[in-house]
C-alpha atoms as a PDB file:
ATOM      1  CA  MET A   1      49.914  22.902 -16.784  1.00  0.00           C
ATOM      2  CA  ALA A   2      53.040  21.708 -15.006  1.00  0.00           C
ATOM      3  CA  GLN A   3      56.017  20.220 -16.757  1.00  0.00           C
ATOM      4  CA  ALA A   4      57.384  16.932 -15.397  1.00  0.00           C
ATOM      5  CA  ASP A   5      60.966  17.352 -14.164  1.00  0.00           C
ATOM      6  CA  ASP A   6      63.442  15.834 -11.747  1.00  0.00           C
ATOM      7  CA  SER A   7      62.763  18.165  -8.825  1.00  0.00           C
ATOM      8  CA  ALA A   8      60.908  15.674  -6.626  1.00  0.00           C
ATOM      9  CA  SER A   9      62.711  13.652  -4.018  1.00  0.00           C
ATOM     10  CA  ALA A  10      62.002   9.931  -4.228  1.00  0.00           C
ATOM     11  CA  THR A  11      62.195   9.745  -0.427  1.00  0.00           C
ATOM     12  CA  THR A  12      58.931  11.719  -0.168  1.00  0.00           C
ATOM     13  CA  GLY A  13      57.025   9.986  -2.937  1.00  0.00           C
ATOM     14  CA  ASP A  14      55.817   6.732  -4.367  1.00  0.00           C
ATOM     15  CA  LEU A  15      57.753   5.506  -7.381  1.00  0.00           C
ATOM     16  CA  MET A  16      56.078   4.770 -10.693  1.00  0.00           C
ATOM     17  CA  VAL A  17      57.373   3.910 -14.149  1.00  0.00           C
ATOM     18  CA  VAL A  18      55.697   5.133 -17.338  1.00  0.00           C
ATOM     19  CA  ALA A  19      56.246   3.610 -20.780  1.00  0.00           C
ATOM     20  CA  LEU A  20      56.495   6.298 -23.484  1.00  0.00           C
ATOM     21  CA  ALA A  21      55.711   4.574 -26.761  1.00  0.00           C
ATOM     22  CA  GLY A  22      56.363   7.715 -28.806  1.00  0.00           C
ATOM     23  CA  GLU A  23      59.893   8.005 -27.403  1.00  0.00           C
ATOM     24  CA  ALA A  24      60.746   4.294 -27.030  1.00  0.00           C
ATOM     25  CA  ALA A  25      61.623   5.094 -23.422  1.00  0.00           C
ATOM     26  CA  LEU A  26      60.762   4.429 -19.795  1.00  0.00           C
ATOM     27  CA  ALA A  27      60.298   7.327 -17.379  1.00  0.00           C
ATOM     28  CA  LEU A  28      60.861   6.646 -13.683  1.00  0.00           C
ATOM     29  CA  CYS A  29      58.673   9.053 -11.729  1.00  0.00           C
ATOM     30  CA  ALA A  30      58.040  10.135  -8.142  1.00  0.00           C
ATOM     31  CA  LEU A  31      54.496  10.800  -6.986  1.00  0.00           C
ATOM     32  CA  ASP A  32      54.386  13.198  -4.047  1.00  0.00           C
ATOM     33  CA  ARG A  33      52.364  11.564  -1.251  1.00  0.00           C
ATOM     34  CA  GLU A  34      50.993  14.899  -0.055  1.00  0.00           C
ATOM     35  CA  THR A  35      50.188  16.865  -3.206  1.00  0.00           C
ATOM     36  CA  GLY A  36      49.940  14.203  -5.928  1.00  0.00           C
ATOM     37  CA  ALA A  37      52.522  16.023  -8.069  1.00  0.00           C
ATOM     38  CA  LEU A  38      54.331  13.737 -10.520  1.00  0.00           C
ATOM     39  CA  SER A  39      57.979  14.338 -11.470  1.00  0.00           C
ATOM     40  CA  ILE A  40      60.430  12.464 -13.693  1.00  0.00           C
ATOM     41  CA  LEU A  41      63.531  11.195 -11.872  1.00  0.00           C
ATOM     42  CA  ASP A  42      65.144   9.144 -14.639  1.00  0.00           C
ATOM     43  CA  LYS A  43      64.481   8.324 -18.274  1.00  0.00           C
ATOM     44  CA  GLN A  44      65.968   5.348 -20.096  1.00  0.00           C
ATOM     45  CA  GLN A  45      65.726   4.549 -23.797  1.00  0.00           C
ATOM     46  CA  LEU A  46      64.845   1.094 -25.090  1.00  0.00           C
ATOM     47  CA  PRO A  47      68.127   0.211 -26.833  1.00  0.00           C
ATOM     48  CA  GLU A  48      67.895  -0.349 -30.575  1.00  0.00           C
ATOM     49  CA  ALA A  49      64.093  -0.112 -30.584  1.00  0.00           C
ATOM     50  CA  GLU A  50      63.023   0.041 -34.225  1.00  0.00           C
ATOM     51  CA  GLY A  51      59.946   1.525 -35.876  1.00  0.00           C
ATOM     52  CA  GLU A  52      56.917   3.038 -34.183  1.00  0.00           C
ATOM     53  CA  CYS A  53      54.188   1.649 -31.982  1.00  0.00           C
ATOM     54  CA  ARG A  54      51.373   2.900 -29.797  1.00  0.00           C
ATOM     55  CA  GLY A  55      51.142   0.550 -26.821  1.00  0.00           C
ATOM     56  CA  VAL A  56      54.182  -0.600 -24.831  1.00  0.00           C
ATOM     57  CA  PRO A  57      53.038  -3.083 -22.150  1.00  0.00           C
ATOM     58  CA  MET A  58      55.219  -3.900 -19.166  1.00  0.00           C
ATOM     59  CA  VAL A  59      55.208  -5.783 -15.865  1.00  0.00           C
ATOM     60  CA  ALA A  60      57.315  -5.836 -12.701  1.00  0.00           C
ATOM     61  CA  SER A  61      58.606  -8.888 -10.867  1.00  0.00           C
ATOM     62  CA  ALA A  62      57.052  -9.670  -7.484  1.00  0.00           C
ATOM     63  CA  ASP A  63      59.755  -7.726  -5.621  1.00  0.00           C
ATOM     64  CA  ALA A  64      59.783  -4.949  -8.270  1.00  0.00           C
ATOM     65  CA  SER A  65      63.534  -5.379  -8.792  1.00  0.00           C
ATOM     66  CA  ARG A  66      63.014  -6.211 -12.486  1.00  0.00           C
ATOM     67  CA  ILE A  67      60.766  -4.683 -15.148  1.00  0.00           C
ATOM     68  CA  TYR A  68      59.935  -6.408 -18.437  1.00  0.00           C
ATOM     69  CA  VAL A  69      58.818  -4.373 -21.440  1.00  0.00           C
ATOM     70  CA  ALA A  70      57.438  -5.518 -24.807  1.00  0.00           C
ATOM     71  CA  TRP A  71      58.316  -3.339 -27.809  1.00  0.00           C
ATOM     72  CA  ARG A  72      55.825  -3.618 -30.689  1.00  0.00           C
ATOM     73  CA  GLY A  73      57.626  -1.691 -33.434  1.00  0.00           C
ATOM     74  CA  ASP A  74      59.347  -3.133 -36.519  1.00  0.00           C
ATOM     75  CA  ALA A  75      61.268  -5.711 -34.478  1.00  0.00           C
ATOM     76  CA  PHE A  76      59.347  -7.331 -31.613  1.00  0.00           C
ATOM     77  CA  ARG A  77      61.527  -7.281 -28.517  1.00  0.00           C
ATOM     78  CA  LEU A  78      61.261  -8.113 -24.807  1.00  0.00           C
ATOM     79  CA  TYR A  79      63.461  -5.800 -22.718  1.00  0.00           C
ATOM     80  CA  SER A  80      64.636  -6.520 -19.180  1.00  0.00           C
ATOM     81  CA  PHE A  81      65.414  -3.649 -16.809  1.00  0.00           C
ATOM     82  CA  ALA A  82      66.872  -3.696 -13.302  1.00  0.00           C
ATOM     83  CA  PHE A  83      65.282  -1.250 -10.889  1.00  0.00           C
ATOM     84  CA  ASP A  84      67.456   0.201  -8.113  1.00  0.00           C
ATOM     85  CA  ARG A  85      65.057   1.756  -5.616  1.00  0.00           C
ATOM     86  CA  ASP A  86      67.762   3.419  -3.496  1.00  0.00           C
ATOM     87  CA  ALA A  87      69.472   5.025  -6.483  1.00  0.00           C
ATOM     88  CA  CYS A  88      66.171   5.703  -8.308  1.00  0.00           C
ATOM     89  CA  ARG A  89      67.655   4.202 -11.445  1.00  0.00           C
ATOM     90  CA  LEU A  90      66.616   1.887 -14.276  1.00  0.00           C
ATOM     91  CA  THR A  91      69.293  -0.146 -16.064  1.00  0.00           C
ATOM     92  CA  CYS A  92      68.709  -2.230 -19.181  1.00  0.00           C
ATOM     93  CA  LEU A  93      69.938  -5.800 -18.669  1.00  0.00           C
ATOM     94  CA  GLY A  94      69.273  -7.016 -22.188  1.00  0.00           C
ATOM     95  CA  GLN A  95      66.701  -7.825 -24.825  1.00  0.00           C
ATOM     96  CA  ALA A  96      65.193 -10.930 -26.375  1.00  0.00           C
ATOM     97  CA  SER A  97      63.012 -11.785 -29.335  1.00  0.00           C
ATOM     98  CA  LEU A  98      59.220 -12.062 -29.362  1.00  0.00           C
ATOM     99  CA  PRO A  99      57.159 -13.884 -31.999  1.00  0.00           C
ATOM    100  CA  ALA A 100      54.537 -11.160 -32.548  1.00  0.00           C
ATOM    101  CA  SER A 101      53.319  -7.732 -31.496  1.00  0.00           C
ATOM    102  CA  MET A 102      52.549  -8.383 -27.831  1.00  0.00           C
ATOM    103  CA  CYS A 103      49.825  -6.262 -26.222  1.00  0.00           C
ATOM    104  CA  TYR A 104      50.149  -7.606 -22.662  1.00  0.00           C
ATOM    105  CA  VAL A 105      52.963  -8.760 -20.372  1.00  0.00           C
ATOM    106  CA  ALA A 106      52.602 -10.729 -17.131  1.00  0.00           C
ATOM    107  CA  MET A 107      54.719 -12.737 -14.714  1.00  0.00           C
ATOM    108  CA  SER A 108      54.174 -16.476 -14.380  1.00  0.00           C
ATOM    109  CA  ALA A 109      52.879 -17.861 -11.092  1.00  0.00           C
ATOM    110  CA  ASP A 110      56.420 -18.800 -10.009  1.00  0.00           C
ATOM    111  CA  ASP A 111      57.877 -15.398 -11.049  1.00  0.00           C
ATOM    112  CA  ARG A 112      60.511 -17.211 -13.135  1.00  0.00           C
ATOM    113  CA  ARG A 113      59.033 -16.626 -16.578  1.00  0.00           C
ATOM    114  CA  VAL A 114      57.466 -13.777 -18.533  1.00  0.00           C
ATOM    115  CA  LEU A 115      54.144 -14.377 -20.273  1.00  0.00           C
ATOM    116  CA  THR A 116      53.227 -12.246 -23.274  1.00  0.00           C
ATOM    117  CA  SER A 117      50.095 -12.251 -25.428  1.00  0.00           C
ATOM    118  CA  SER A 118      49.308 -10.991 -28.916  1.00  0.00           C
ATOM    119  CA  ASN A 119      45.917 -10.024 -30.283  1.00  0.00           C
ATOM    120  CA  THR A 120      47.102  -9.541 -33.865  1.00  0.00           C
ATOM    121  CA  GLY A 121      49.312 -12.632 -33.743  1.00  0.00           C
ATOM    122  CA  SER A 122      46.856 -14.853 -31.802  1.00  0.00           C
ATOM    123  CA  THR A 123      49.785 -16.060 -29.699  1.00  0.00           C
ATOM    124  CA  ILE A 124      50.906 -16.496 -26.109  1.00  0.00           C
ATOM    125  CA  ALA A 125      54.646 -16.810 -25.478  1.00  0.00           C
ATOM    126  CA  VAL A 126      56.564 -17.968 -22.398  1.00  0.00           C
ATOM    127  CA  SER A 127      60.056 -16.487 -21.908  1.00  0.00           C
ATOM    128  CA  PRO A 128      62.408 -17.844 -19.206  1.00  0.00           C
ATOM    129  CA  ILE A 129      64.294 -15.527 -16.860  1.00  0.00           C
ATOM    130  CA  ASP A 130      67.968 -16.239 -16.159  1.00  0.00           C
ATOM    131  CA  SER A 131      69.784 -15.966 -12.820  1.00  0.00           C
ATOM    132  CA  ALA A 132      70.588 -12.305 -13.480  1.00  0.00           C
ATOM    133  CA  GLY A 133      66.908 -11.504 -13.991  1.00  0.00           C
ATOM    134  CA  CYS A 134      67.126 -11.114 -17.774  1.00  0.00           C
ATOM    135  CA  ALA A 135      64.375 -12.602 -19.947  1.00  0.00           C
ATOM    136  CA  ASP A 136      65.495 -14.833 -22.816  1.00  0.00           C
ATOM    137  CA  ASP A 137      63.914 -15.867 -26.121  1.00  0.00           C
ATOM    138  CA  PRO A 138      60.610 -17.753 -25.700  1.00  0.00           C
ATOM    139  CA  ILE A 139      60.812 -21.446 -24.867  1.00  0.00           C
ATOM    140  CA  LEU A 140      57.166 -21.928 -25.765  1.00  0.00           C
ATOM    141  CA  THR A 141      54.557 -20.316 -27.978  1.00  0.00           C
ATOM    142  CA  ILE A 142      50.955 -21.476 -28.237  1.00  0.00           C
ATOM    143  CA  ASP A 143      48.052 -20.532 -30.472  1.00  0.00           C
ATOM    144  CA  ALA A 144      45.633 -18.300 -28.579  1.00  0.00           C
ATOM    145  CA  HIS A 145      42.926 -16.766 -30.743  1.00  0.00           C
ATOM    146  CA  LYS A 146      43.036 -12.944 -30.526  1.00  0.00           C
ATOM    147  CA  ALA A 147      44.570 -13.102 -27.051  1.00  0.00           C
ATOM    148  CA  HIS A 148      44.743  -9.715 -25.372  1.00  0.00           C
ATOM    149  CA  CYS A 149      45.320  -9.990 -21.628  1.00  0.00           C
ATOM    150  CA  VAL A 150      47.137 -12.906 -19.988  1.00  0.00           C
ATOM    151  CA  VAL A 151      47.393 -13.197 -16.197  1.00  0.00           C
ATOM    152  CA  ALA A 152      48.536 -15.725 -13.600  1.00  0.00           C
ATOM    153  CA  ALA A 153      45.766 -15.980 -11.002  1.00  0.00           C
ATOM    154  CA  PRO A 154      46.175 -16.672  -7.259  1.00  0.00           C
ATOM    155  CA  ASN A 155      44.906 -20.241  -7.819  1.00  0.00           C
ATOM    156  CA  GLY A 156      48.009 -21.032  -9.892  1.00  0.00           C
ATOM    157  CA  LEU A 157      46.097 -21.116 -13.170  1.00  0.00           C
ATOM    158  CA  THR A 158      46.621 -18.783 -16.128  1.00  0.00           C
ATOM    159  CA  TYR A 159      43.789 -16.919 -17.853  1.00  0.00           C
ATOM    160  CA  ALA A 160      43.733 -15.136 -21.216  1.00  0.00           C
ATOM    161  CA  THR A 161      41.044 -12.954 -22.746  1.00  0.00           C
ATOM    162  CA  SER A 162      40.190 -13.302 -26.443  1.00  0.00           C
ATOM    163  CA  LEU A 163      39.381  -9.771 -27.586  1.00  0.00           C
ATOM    164  CA  ARG A 164      37.701 -10.744 -30.860  1.00  0.00           C
ATOM    165  CA  GLY A 165      36.856 -14.333 -29.987  1.00  0.00           C
ATOM    166  CA  ASP A 166      34.636 -13.262 -27.073  1.00  0.00           C
ATOM    167  CA  PHE A 167      35.831 -15.754 -24.484  1.00  0.00           C
ATOM    168  CA  VAL A 168      38.200 -16.176 -21.546  1.00  0.00           C
ATOM    169  CA  GLN A 169      40.434 -19.245 -21.705  1.00  0.00           C
ATOM    170  CA  CYS A 170      41.759 -20.911 -18.548  1.00  0.00           C
ATOM    171  CA  TYR A 171      45.086 -22.790 -18.705  1.00  0.00           C
ATOM    172  CA  ALA A 172      46.870 -25.115 -16.325  1.00  0.00           C
ATOM    173  CA  TYR A 173      50.483 -23.985 -15.972  1.00  0.00           C
ATOM    174  CA  ASP A 174      53.270 -26.549 -15.633  1.00  0.00           C
ATOM    175  CA  VAL A 175      55.969 -24.944 -13.486  1.00  0.00           C
ATOM    176  CA  GLU A 176      58.719 -27.292 -14.661  1.00  0.00           C
ATOM    177  CA  SER A 177      58.144 -27.071 -18.406  1.00  0.00           C
ATOM    178  CA  GLY A 178      56.466 -23.689 -18.597  1.00  0.00           C
ATOM    179  CA  GLY A 179      53.724 -25.330 -20.636  1.00  0.00           C
ATOM    180  CA  LEU A 180      50.120 -24.112 -20.795  1.00  0.00           C
ATOM    181  CA  SER A 181      47.254 -26.598 -21.215  1.00  0.00           C
ATOM    182  CA  PRO A 182      43.675 -25.349 -21.825  1.00  0.00           C
ATOM    183  CA  ILE A 183      41.258 -26.699 -19.223  1.00  0.00           C
ATOM    184  CA  SER A 184      38.105 -24.539 -19.339  1.00  0.00           C
ATOM    185  CA  ARG A 185      36.592 -21.623 -21.213  1.00  0.00           C
ATOM    186  CA  LEU A 186      33.986 -18.960 -20.508  1.00  0.00           C
ATOM    187  CA  ASP A 187      32.093 -17.747 -23.576  1.00  0.00           C
ATOM    188  CA  LEU A 188      30.838 -14.167 -23.551  1.00  0.00           C
ATOM    189  CA  PRO A 189      28.330 -12.125 -25.602  1.00  0.00           C
ATOM    190  CA  GLU A 190      29.231 -11.851 -29.276  1.00  0.00           C
ATOM    191  CA  GLY A 191      31.094  -8.661 -30.121  1.00  0.00           C
ATOM    192  CA  SER A 192      31.647  -7.688 -26.479  1.00  0.00           C
ATOM    193  CA  GLY A 193      35.449  -7.775 -26.735  1.00  0.00           C
ATOM    194  CA  PRO A 194      36.773  -9.089 -23.390  1.00  0.00           C
ATOM    195  CA  ARG A 195      39.981  -7.108 -22.854  1.00  0.00           C
ATOM    196  CA  HIS A 196      41.226  -6.982 -19.267  1.00  0.00           C
ATOM    197  CA  ILE A 197      40.695  -9.430 -16.400  1.00  0.00           C
ATOM    198  CA  LEU A 198      41.930  -9.145 -12.815  1.00  0.00           C
ATOM    199  CA  PHE A 199      41.490 -11.281  -9.707  1.00  0.00           C
ATOM    200  CA  THR A 200      40.912 -10.580  -6.037  1.00  0.00           C
ATOM    201  CA  ALA A 201      43.803 -11.437  -3.737  1.00  0.00           C
ATOM    202  CA  ASP A 202      42.133 -14.633  -2.526  1.00  0.00           C
ATOM    203  CA  GLY A 203      41.292 -15.652  -6.095  1.00  0.00           C
ATOM    204  CA  SER A 204      37.614 -16.251  -5.379  1.00  0.00           C
ATOM    205  CA  ARG A 205      36.407 -13.570  -7.785  1.00  0.00           C
ATOM    206  CA  ALA A 206      37.520 -11.902 -10.968  1.00  0.00           C
ATOM    207  CA  TYR A 207      36.469  -8.747 -12.764  1.00  0.00           C
ATOM    208  CA  LEU A 208      36.383  -8.489 -16.544  1.00  0.00           C
ATOM    209  CA  LEU A 209      36.304  -5.358 -18.696  1.00  0.00           C
ATOM    210  CA  SER A 210      34.898  -5.762 -22.212  1.00  0.00           C
ATOM    211  CA  GLU A 211      36.251  -3.162 -24.630  1.00  0.00           C
ATOM    212  CA  PHE A 212      33.557  -2.936 -27.307  1.00  0.00           C
ATOM    213  CA  ALA A 213      30.464  -3.435 -25.138  1.00  0.00           C
ATOM    214  CA  GLY A 214      31.843  -1.244 -22.367  1.00  0.00           C
ATOM    215  CA  THR A 215      30.751  -3.693 -19.695  1.00  0.00           C
ATOM    216  CA  LEU A 216      32.136  -4.735 -16.321  1.00  0.00           C
ATOM    217  CA  THR A 217      31.486  -8.353 -15.386  1.00  0.00           C
ATOM    218  CA  CYS A 218      31.884  -9.867 -11.938  1.00  0.00           C
ATOM    219  CA  LEU A 219      32.963 -13.516 -12.162  1.00  0.00           C
ATOM    220  CA  ASP A 220      32.989 -16.299  -9.613  1.00  0.00           C
ATOM    221  CA  VAL A 221      36.038 -18.572  -9.703  1.00  0.00           C
ATOM    222  CA  ASP A 222      35.388 -22.229  -8.893  1.00  0.00           C
ATOM    223  CA  ALA A 223      37.602 -23.184  -5.968  1.00  0.00           C
ATOM    224  CA  HIS A 224      38.372 -26.637  -7.394  1.00  0.00           C
ATOM    225  CA  SER A 225      38.437 -26.335 -11.180  1.00  0.00           C
ATOM    226  CA  GLY A 226      39.194 -22.638 -11.618  1.00  0.00           C
ATOM    227  CA  ALA A 227      36.269 -22.339 -14.050  1.00  0.00           C
ATOM    228  CA  LEU A 228      34.668 -18.907 -14.346  1.00  0.00           C
ATOM    229  CA  SER A 229      30.953 -18.119 -14.116  1.00  0.00           C
ATOM    230  CA  VAL A 230      29.114 -14.814 -14.453  1.00  0.00           C
ATOM    231  CA  ARG A 231      27.677 -13.284 -11.269  1.00  0.00           C
ATOM    232  CA  ASP A 232      26.835  -9.727 -12.356  1.00  0.00           C
ATOM    233  CA  ARG A 233      27.333  -7.346 -15.263  1.00  0.00           C
ATOM    234  CA  VAL A 234      26.998  -3.548 -15.559  1.00  0.00           C
ATOM    235  CA  ASP A 235      27.374  -1.012 -18.393  1.00  0.00           C
ATOM    236  CA  LEU A 236      29.884   1.820 -18.181  1.00  0.00           C
ATOM    237  CA  LEU A 237      27.847   3.802 -20.721  1.00  0.00           C
ATOM    238  CA  PRO A 238      24.175   2.718 -20.529  1.00  0.00           C
ATOM    239  CA  GLY A 239      22.341   3.089 -23.820  1.00  0.00           C
ATOM    240  CA  VAL A 240      25.541   3.409 -25.885  1.00  0.00           C
ATOM    241  CA  ASP A 241      26.070   0.770 -28.582  1.00  0.00           C
ATOM    242  CA  LYS A 242      29.833   1.016 -28.926  1.00  0.00           C
ATOM    243  CA  ALA A 243      32.473   1.704 -26.297  1.00  0.00           C
ATOM    244  CA  TRP A 244      36.271   1.800 -26.172  1.00  0.00           C
ATOM    245  CA  ALA A 245      37.044   0.570 -22.666  1.00  0.00           C
ATOM    246  CA  ALA A 246      40.659  -0.035 -21.693  1.00  0.00           C
ATOM    247  CA  GLU A 247      41.924  -0.696 -18.167  1.00  0.00           C
ATOM    248  CA  LEU A 248      40.844  -2.047 -14.759  1.00  0.00           C
ATOM    249  CA  ARG A 249      42.230  -1.574 -11.240  1.00  0.00           C
ATOM    250  CA  LEU A 250      41.045  -2.694  -7.804  1.00  0.00           C
ATOM    251  CA  GLY A 251      41.395  -0.413  -4.792  1.00  0.00           C
ATOM    252  CA  PRO A 252      43.722  -1.674  -2.015  1.00  0.00           C
ATOM    253  CA  ARG A 253      40.802  -2.869   0.145  1.00  0.00           C
ATOM    254  CA  GLU A 254      39.132  -4.432  -2.914  1.00  0.00           C
ATOM    255  CA  ASP A 255      35.961  -2.456  -2.229  1.00  0.00           C
ATOM    256  CA  ILE A 256      36.276  -0.087  -5.194  1.00  0.00           C
ATOM    257  CA  LEU A 257      36.796  -1.007  -8.851  1.00  0.00           C
ATOM    258  CA  TYR A 258      38.100   1.543 -11.359  1.00  0.00           C
ATOM    259  CA  ALA A 259      37.786   1.369 -15.155  1.00  0.00           C
ATOM    260  CA  SER A 260      38.855   3.663 -17.993  1.00  0.00           C
ATOM    261  CA  GLU A 261      36.925   4.405 -21.186  1.00  0.00           C
ATOM    262  CA  ARG A 262      38.633   6.079 -24.125  1.00  0.00           C
ATOM    263  CA  SER A 263      35.800   7.324 -26.371  1.00  0.00           C
ATOM    264  CA  THR A 264      34.583   9.615 -23.558  1.00  0.00           C
ATOM    265  CA  SER A 265      37.977   9.896 -21.778  1.00  0.00           C
ATOM    266  CA  GLN A 266      36.635   9.065 -18.327  1.00  0.00           C
ATOM    267  CA  ILE A 267      37.605   7.061 -15.246  1.00  0.00           C
ATOM    268  CA  PHE A 268      34.680   5.217 -13.616  1.00  0.00           C
ATOM    269  CA  ALA A 269      34.442   4.065  -9.994  1.00  0.00           C
ATOM    270  CA  TYR A 270      32.223   1.244  -8.689  1.00  0.00           C
ATOM    271  CA  ARG A 271      31.649   0.142  -5.101  1.00  0.00           C
ATOM    272  CA  LEU A 272      31.827  -3.627  -4.707  1.00  0.00           C
ATOM    273  CA  GLY A 273      29.426  -5.487  -2.454  1.00  0.00           C
ATOM    274  CA  ALA A 274      29.934  -8.734  -0.578  1.00  0.00           C
ATOM    275  CA  SER A 275      27.557 -10.529  -2.929  1.00  0.00           C
ATOM    276  CA  GLY A 276      29.340  -9.322  -6.050  1.00  0.00           C
ATOM    277  CA  GLU A 277      27.201  -6.293  -6.826  1.00  0.00           C
ATOM    278  CA  MET A 278      28.892  -3.354  -8.577  1.00  0.00           C
ATOM    279  CA  ASP A 279      27.258  -0.056  -7.654  1.00  0.00           C
ATOM    280  CA  PRO A 280      28.352   3.089  -9.545  1.00  0.00           C
ATOM    281  CA  VAL A 281      30.031   5.750  -7.419  1.00  0.00           C
ATOM    282  CA  GLY A 282      30.640   8.140 -10.311  1.00  0.00           C
ATOM    283  CA  ALA A 283      32.968   9.102 -13.150  1.00  0.00           C
ATOM    284  CA  VAL A 284      35.570  11.821 -13.651  1.00  0.00           C
ATOM    285  CA  PRO A 285      37.153  13.327 -16.776  1.00  0.00           C
ATOM    286  CA  ALA A 286      40.528  11.855 -17.746  1.00  0.00           C
ATOM    287  CA  PRO A 287      43.311  12.918 -20.140  1.00  0.00           C
ATOM    288  CA  ASP A 288      42.629  12.284 -23.820  1.00  0.00           C
ATOM    289  CA  CYS A 289      42.522   8.524 -24.469  1.00  0.00           C
ATOM    290  CA  PRO A 290      43.205   7.062 -20.989  1.00  0.00           C
ATOM    291  CA  THR A 291      44.442   3.653 -22.094  1.00  0.00           C
ATOM    292  CA  ALA A 292      46.422   3.078 -18.892  1.00  0.00           C
ATOM    293  CA  PHE A 293      46.210   4.085 -15.251  1.00  0.00           C
ATOM    294  CA  ASP A 294      47.362   2.785 -11.875  1.00  0.00           C
ATOM    295  CA  LEU A 295      46.920   3.420  -8.159  1.00  0.00           C
ATOM    296  CA  SER A 296      49.718   4.536  -5.848  1.00  0.00           C
ATOM    297  CA  ALA A 297      51.143   2.048  -3.359  1.00  0.00           C
ATOM    298  CA  ALA A 298      48.720   2.944  -0.550  1.00  0.00           C
ATOM    299  CA  GLY A 299      45.835   3.610  -2.923  1.00  0.00           C
ATOM    300  CA  ARG A 300      45.634   7.297  -1.989  1.00  0.00           C
ATOM    301  CA  PHE A 301      46.226   8.516  -5.553  1.00  0.00           C
ATOM    302  CA  LEU A 302      45.371   7.415  -9.079  1.00  0.00           C
ATOM    303  CA  VAL A 303      47.548   8.289 -12.082  1.00  0.00           C
ATOM    304  CA  ALA A 304      45.945   8.218 -15.549  1.00  0.00           C
ATOM    305  CA  LEU A 305      47.813   8.612 -18.840  1.00  0.00           C
ATOM    306  CA  GLY A 306      46.507  10.423 -21.897  1.00  0.00           C
ATOM    307  CA  GLU A 307      47.818   8.381 -24.793  1.00  0.00           C
ATOM    308  CA  LYS A 308      46.838  11.085 -27.303  1.00  0.00           C
ATOM    309  CA  SER A 309      47.572  14.166 -25.203  1.00  0.00           C
ATOM    310  CA  GLY A 310      50.912  13.094 -23.693  1.00  0.00           C
ATOM    311  CA  GLU A 311      49.651  14.061 -20.244  1.00  0.00           C
ATOM    312  CA  ALA A 312      49.510  12.357 -16.875  1.00  0.00           C
ATOM    313  CA  TRP A 313      46.702  13.401 -14.537  1.00  0.00           C
ATOM    314  CA  THR A 314      46.899  12.536 -10.851  1.00  0.00           C
ATOM    315  CA  TYR A 315      43.835  12.243  -8.655  1.00  0.00           C
ATOM    316  CA  ARG A 316      43.437  12.148  -4.896  1.00  0.00           C
ATOM    317  CA  ILE A 317      41.136   9.299  -3.858  1.00  0.00           C
ATOM    318  CA  LYS A 318      38.391  10.655  -1.583  1.00  0.00           C
ATOM    319  CA  SER A 319      36.842   8.724   1.305  1.00  0.00           C
ATOM    320  CA  ASP A 320      33.976   7.526  -0.887  1.00  0.00           C
ATOM    321  CA  GLY A 321      36.413   6.135  -3.466  1.00  0.00           C
ATOM    322  CA  MET A 322      35.943   8.886  -6.039  1.00  0.00           C
ATOM    323  CA  PRO A 323      39.048  10.338  -7.709  1.00  0.00           C
ATOM    324  CA  GLU A 324      39.511  14.107  -7.393  1.00  0.00           C
ATOM    325  CA  LEU A 325      41.927  15.855  -9.778  1.00  0.00           C
ATOM    326  CA  ALA A 326      45.144  16.893  -8.014  1.00  0.00           C
ATOM    327  CA  ASP A 327      47.683  17.656 -10.757  1.00  0.00           C
ATOM    328  CA  ARG A 328      48.311  17.568 -14.512  1.00  0.00           C
ATOM    329  CA  VAL A 329      51.734  17.223 -16.171  1.00  0.00           C
ATOM    330  CA  ASP A 330      53.162  16.762 -19.657  1.00  0.00           C
ATOM    331  CA  ILE A 331      54.777  13.346 -19.271  1.00  0.00           C
ATOM    332  CA  GLY A 332      56.045  12.577 -22.804  1.00  0.00           C
ATOM    333  CA  ALA A 333      55.047  11.238 -26.214  1.00  0.00           C
ATOM    334  CA  VAL A 334      52.354   8.540 -26.282  1.00  0.00           C
ATOM    335  CA  PRO A 335      52.355   7.390 -22.643  1.00  0.00           C
ATOM    336  CA  SER A 336      50.833   3.925 -22.810  1.00  0.00           C
ATOM    337  CA  TRP A 337      51.508   2.042 -19.559  1.00  0.00           C
ATOM    338  CA  VAL A 338      52.135   2.907 -15.894  1.00  0.00           C
ATOM    339  CA  LEU A 339      53.251   0.704 -13.002  1.00  0.00           C
ATOM    340  CA  THR A 340      53.563   1.462  -9.305  1.00  0.00           C
ATOM    341  CA  LEU A 341      56.819   0.041  -7.949  1.00  0.00           C
END
């Protein structure tokens, strides 16, 4: 197995950042566009991060010049980092408070605020971003029962999954105040555990991954109200009562959907039809506990993190959409999030 190092040139690779929860650090990496090899270019600590945590969610601004990271240790903090693409460097701009242990971070529709959500704290917080790109203390917190994933959709509305409430809540977002007002809700099967939702670029459809049921659900998005309705649902693990599903990603042409499952440590691929059907392409082994993965900028490679093993596996995406293992590296302690920049 290869060791990640700084030997790769960023000029020949896509750039990715990996959050290492076990080291309270971010690793800036280059992914070689020919071989799929992953190498660390820069590593930055989260200043004054206290305690231990497993997941460290993060998000990039629309232009990828800023990265926002939620630390879930003894003191809940929101870190702001500047990303210099030319210098291949991350620089911490500052830190702000958070009201709870936040398991997801997203940008608001206007890219001027950071949205964070907490399952254990049943909270969504809105943090403003100053002129230097640094996030400040939250200006708003709202009750959001067992909120896990919060996202700003292309229709300008905000959606949050309730992991243990078994619903997806839709909010209207007020750009001026940063306020969130609930406007509709989609209830889901009891005990299914809706975890991760993502939207197509035109906002007409969404895909939902349910953690405990291990299901993928295709949702229609009402063009006027933004309300969600179920079009199709498939099982990652047919015949299995309990799953531990984690992450979703759409291929660049939105014709392939990828999902990770942690109890079997696999990445699944589904081909998406025009009518919303999700046809299985196959599944491949992944590093131990693949909580997070992402696709490279052009969608030619997939990088999956083994939260328990400390590995990153890279896969070449074949013409049929299936990932094919290309490389394995030791990336660091408890890798829990990866973003393509």
